[in-house]
Amino acid sequence: MEDSPDEPAADIDLEPTEEAAPPRKKARSLLTELPFLVLIALVLAVLVKTVAFQAFFIPSESMFDTLQVNDRVLVNKISYRIGQPQRGDVVVFDRTPDTEESLSGALLRNLAESIGLRTPEADLIKRVIGLPGETVEIADNEVLINGIPLAEPYLREVARTSSMDRITIPEDEYFVMGDNRSRSLDSRSFGPVTREEIVGKAFVIIWPTSRWGGL
């Protein structure tokens, strides 16, 4: 049956539609949120650098040929929380007492260190040679561990290692040396490093891209 022409048409409810935000309003919203997003990114970068991983800038020739000046490596800070340093590991360690600094200064320093733009002034990178309780001596251009010559395939054939009398490594300490033996300040000069001083294990070269690879 057709509707009578005098009968009013049924009302149709229409949902109100939201108007698109003007471009200027969106831009203002983004500008308002940007400082907060940057702050979150900075905090996350510092947390990651402090707890898990850190990029490390190579400032000297002490680990040549393995590492070259201006290389950047990634350091795993978690590995030694579940294990112990092993002979042959390339490790970063800190030998400087804690110093006071402002909050803003600490934030900027940690950010620069986390992305490899800066290397902590007191941090050094060397290779673990001797383990706790072992004896180390150097004679006839060879490193002897408990009297047995140490195979070191990572060294250049022309590497020269100056002689050193036998020492016994204390418990919870490690004897470290640079691969570039004639240009490295290491345990031959300042003695073994403690377990607490070791920051983490360098495990990969991340820059330059032409030198990507594991350590």
Protein backbone atom coordinates (compact mmCIF):
# COMPACT_ATOMS: atom_id res chain seq x y z
CA MET A 1 0.00 0.00 0.00
CA GLU A 2 1.43 3.41 -1.03
CA ASP A 3 1.81 6.23 1.45
CA SER A 4 -0.75 8.97 1.26
CA PRO A 5 0.66 12.14 -0.28
CA ASP A 6 -0.65 14.05 2.76
CA GLU A 7 1.26 11.80 5.20
CA PRO A 8 4.56 13.39 6.40
CA ALA A 9 7.76 11.56 5.49
CA ALA A 10 9.49 9.64 8.30
CA ASP A 11 12.29 11.54 10.07
CA ILE A 12 15.80 10.26 9.43
CA ASP A 13 18.34 10.74 12.23
CA LEU A 14 21.70 11.85 10.91
CA GLU A 15 24.80 11.48 13.10
CA PRO A 16 26.66 14.77 13.42
CA THR A 17 29.96 14.67 11.58
CA GLU A 18 33.17 16.04 13.11
CA GLU A 19 34.79 18.78 11.16
CA ALA A 20 38.40 18.15 10.10
CA ALA A 21 40.86 19.99 12.31
CA PRO A 22 42.27 23.03 10.57
CA PRO A 23 45.92 22.54 9.43
CA ARG A 24 47.11 25.33 11.74
CA LYS A 25 45.57 23.57 14.74
CA LYS A 26 47.31 20.30 13.82
CA ALA A 27 50.65 22.09 13.44
CA ARG A 28 50.25 23.74 16.85
CA SER A 29 49.44 20.36 18.40
CA LEU A 30 52.58 18.82 16.90
CA LEU A 31 54.76 21.70 18.08
CA THR A 32 53.30 21.34 21.57
CA GLU A 33 54.01 17.58 21.68
CA LEU A 34 57.47 17.74 20.07
CA PRO A 35 59.47 18.79 23.18
CA PHE A 36 57.80 16.00 25.16
CA LEU A 37 58.61 13.43 22.46
CA VAL A 38 62.22 14.64 22.30
CA LEU A 39 62.51 14.36 26.09
CA ILE A 40 61.17 10.79 26.00
CA ALA A 41 63.67 9.90 23.24
CA LEU A 42 66.54 11.36 25.30
CA VAL A 43 65.51 9.47 28.42
CA LEU A 44 65.16 6.19 26.50
CA ALA A 45 68.57 6.68 24.87
CA VAL A 46 70.20 7.26 28.25
CA LEU A 47 68.42 4.25 29.80
CA VAL A 48 69.50 1.95 26.96
CA LYS A 49 73.06 3.25 27.17
CA THR A 50 73.14 2.82 30.95
CA VAL A 51 71.58 -0.63 31.12
CA ALA A 52 72.00 -2.52 27.86
CA PHE A 53 74.05 -1.26 24.92
CA GLN A 54 76.41 1.61 24.19
CA ALA A 55 78.20 2.81 21.08
CA PHE A 56 81.90 3.35 21.71
CA PHE A 57 84.18 5.62 19.66
CA ILE A 58 87.74 4.39 19.07
CA PRO A 59 90.10 7.30 19.81
CA SER A 60 93.53 5.69 19.42
CA GLU A 61 95.61 3.06 17.61
CA SER A 62 95.95 0.76 20.62
CA MET A 63 93.74 -1.96 19.08
CA PHE A 64 95.02 -1.71 15.49
CA ASP A 65 94.55 -3.76 13.21
CA THR A 66 91.40 -5.13 14.86
CA LEU A 67 90.03 -1.63 15.44
CA GLN A 68 91.04 1.58 13.72
CA VAL A 69 90.85 5.20 14.81
CA ASN A 70 87.31 6.61 14.40
CA ASP A 71 85.69 3.16 14.30
CA ARG A 72 82.53 2.83 16.35
CA VAL A 73 81.71 -0.40 18.12
CA LEU A 74 78.65 -1.57 20.00
CA VAL A 75 79.23 -2.66 23.59
CA ASN A 76 76.96 -5.21 25.27
CA LYS A 77 76.57 -4.36 28.95
CA ILE A 78 74.32 -7.32 29.70
CA SER A 79 76.66 -10.16 28.70
CA TYR A 80 78.77 -10.04 31.87
CA ARG A 81 75.75 -9.85 34.15
CA ILE A 82 75.00 -13.44 33.23
CA GLY A 83 78.55 -14.60 32.52
CA GLN A 84 82.22 -13.79 33.01
CA PRO A 85 84.79 -12.21 30.68
CA GLN A 86 86.64 -14.80 28.61
CA ARG A 87 90.13 -14.77 27.14
CA GLY A 88 90.09 -13.02 23.78
CA ASP A 89 87.07 -10.82 24.56
CA VAL A 90 87.40 -7.18 23.56
CA VAL A 91 86.20 -5.22 26.59
CA VAL A 92 85.58 -1.63 27.58
CA PHE A 93 86.46 -0.66 31.13
CA ASP A 94 86.33 2.47 33.26
CA ARG A 95 89.18 3.39 35.59
CA THR A 96 88.00 6.78 36.83
CA PRO A 97 86.33 7.48 40.19
CA ASP A 98 82.82 8.91 40.07
CA THR A 99 82.60 12.71 39.81
CA GLU A 100 79.67 15.03 40.41
CA GLU A 101 77.99 16.76 37.46
CA SER A 102 74.75 18.62 36.80
CA LEU A 103 71.63 16.80 35.64
CA SER A 104 71.64 18.57 32.26
CA GLY A 105 75.35 17.89 31.81
CA ALA A 106 74.89 14.19 32.61
CA LEU A 107 71.94 13.95 30.20
CA LEU A 108 73.86 15.52 27.28
CA ARG A 109 76.99 13.47 28.02
CA ASN A 110 75.06 10.20 28.20
CA LEU A 111 73.19 11.02 24.98
CA ALA A 112 76.43 11.77 23.09
CA GLU A 113 78.02 8.59 24.47
CA SER A 114 74.97 6.46 23.67
CA ILE A 115 75.19 7.22 19.94
CA GLY A 116 78.97 7.13 19.74
CA LEU A 117 79.59 10.86 19.25
CA ARG A 118 81.70 10.93 22.38
CA THR A 119 83.77 8.43 24.29
CA PRO A 120 83.95 8.60 28.09
CA GLU A 121 87.35 10.11 28.85
CA ALA A 122 88.24 7.37 31.30
CA ASP A 123 87.00 4.40 29.27
CA LEU A 124 89.55 2.19 27.55
CA ILE A 125 89.11 -0.72 25.14
CA LYS A 126 91.47 -3.71 25.26
CA ARG A 127 91.51 -7.47 24.86
CA VAL A 128 91.31 -9.91 27.77
CA ILE A 129 94.56 -11.89 27.91
CA GLY A 130 94.81 -13.36 31.41
CA LEU A 131 92.06 -14.63 33.72
CA PRO A 132 91.81 -14.59 37.53
CA GLY A 133 94.33 -16.90 39.22
CA GLU A 134 96.53 -17.37 36.13
CA THR A 135 100.15 -16.31 35.74
CA VAL A 136 101.17 -14.04 32.89
CA GLU A 137 104.66 -13.31 31.61
CA ILE A 138 106.12 -12.03 28.35
CA ALA A 139 109.38 -13.43 26.98
CA ASP A 140 110.93 -13.62 23.49
CA ASN A 141 108.02 -11.60 22.08
CA GLU A 142 105.45 -14.15 23.33
CA VAL A 143 102.79 -14.01 26.01
CA LEU A 144 102.91 -17.03 28.34
CA ILE A 145 99.85 -18.07 30.34
CA ASN A 146 100.80 -20.46 33.16
CA GLY A 147 104.06 -21.00 31.28
CA ILE A 148 102.38 -21.93 27.96
CA PRO A 149 102.68 -19.64 24.87
CA LEU A 150 99.37 -17.99 23.99
CA ALA A 151 98.14 -18.29 20.40
CA GLU A 152 97.13 -14.79 19.23
CA PRO A 153 95.80 -14.92 15.64
CA TYR A 154 94.42 -11.38 15.95
CA LEU A 155 97.96 -9.87 16.06
CA ARG A 156 99.93 -8.63 13.10
CA GLU A 157 102.92 -10.80 12.32
CA VAL A 158 105.25 -7.86 13.02
CA ALA A 159 103.73 -7.15 16.46
CA ARG A 160 106.40 -6.63 19.10
CA THR A 161 105.60 -7.34 22.73
CA SER A 162 108.12 -6.10 25.30
CA SER A 163 109.24 -8.56 27.99
CA MET A 164 107.52 -8.63 31.38
CA ASP A 165 108.26 -10.62 34.52
CA ARG A 166 105.75 -13.22 35.63
CA ILE A 167 102.81 -11.98 37.69
CA THR A 168 99.82 -13.76 39.20
CA ILE A 169 96.44 -12.23 38.45
CA PRO A 170 94.37 -11.68 41.63
CA GLU A 171 90.90 -13.15 41.96
CA ASP A 172 88.16 -11.15 40.22
CA GLU A 173 90.74 -9.29 38.09
CA TYR A 174 91.77 -9.53 34.44
CA PHE A 175 94.97 -8.85 32.53
CA VAL A 176 94.20 -6.82 29.39
CA MET A 177 96.33 -5.72 26.45
CA GLY A 178 95.90 -3.81 23.21
CA ASP A 179 96.43 -5.64 19.93
CA ASN A 180 98.88 -2.93 18.85
CA ARG A 181 101.40 -3.92 21.50
CA SER A 182 103.93 -1.14 20.83
CA ARG A 183 101.26 1.62 21.01
CA SER A 184 99.05 0.43 23.85
CA LEU A 185 98.77 1.56 27.45
CA ASP A 186 97.42 -1.53 29.21
CA SER A 187 97.88 -3.96 32.10
CA ARG A 188 101.62 -4.01 31.48
CA SER A 189 101.60 -0.44 32.82
CA PHE A 190 98.63 -0.10 35.18
CA GLY A 191 98.14 -3.74 36.19
CA PRO A 192 95.05 -5.98 35.94
CA VAL A 193 91.57 -4.43 35.88
CA THR A 194 88.89 -5.44 38.33
CA ARG A 195 85.61 -7.08 37.35
CA GLU A 196 83.74 -3.99 38.58
CA GLU A 197 85.67 -1.74 36.21
CA ILE A 198 84.60 -3.67 33.11
CA VAL A 199 81.70 -1.89 31.40
CA GLY A 200 80.89 -4.55 28.82
CA LYS A 201 81.93 -6.57 25.78
CA ALA A 202 82.49 -4.95 22.38
CA PHE A 203 80.95 -7.37 19.90
CA VAL A 204 80.47 -5.60 16.56
CA ILE A 205 81.85 -2.71 14.47
CA ILE A 206 78.92 -0.51 13.44
CA TRP A 207 80.78 2.34 11.70
CA PRO A 208 82.05 2.90 9.09
CA THR A 209 79.75 0.66 7.07
CA SER A 210 82.70 -0.62 5.05
CA ARG A 211 84.03 -2.26 8.23
CA TRP A 212 80.81 -3.81 9.57
CA GLY A 213 81.50 -7.09 11.28
CA GLY A 214 81.75 -8.99 14.55
CA LEU A 215 84.67 -8.93 16.99
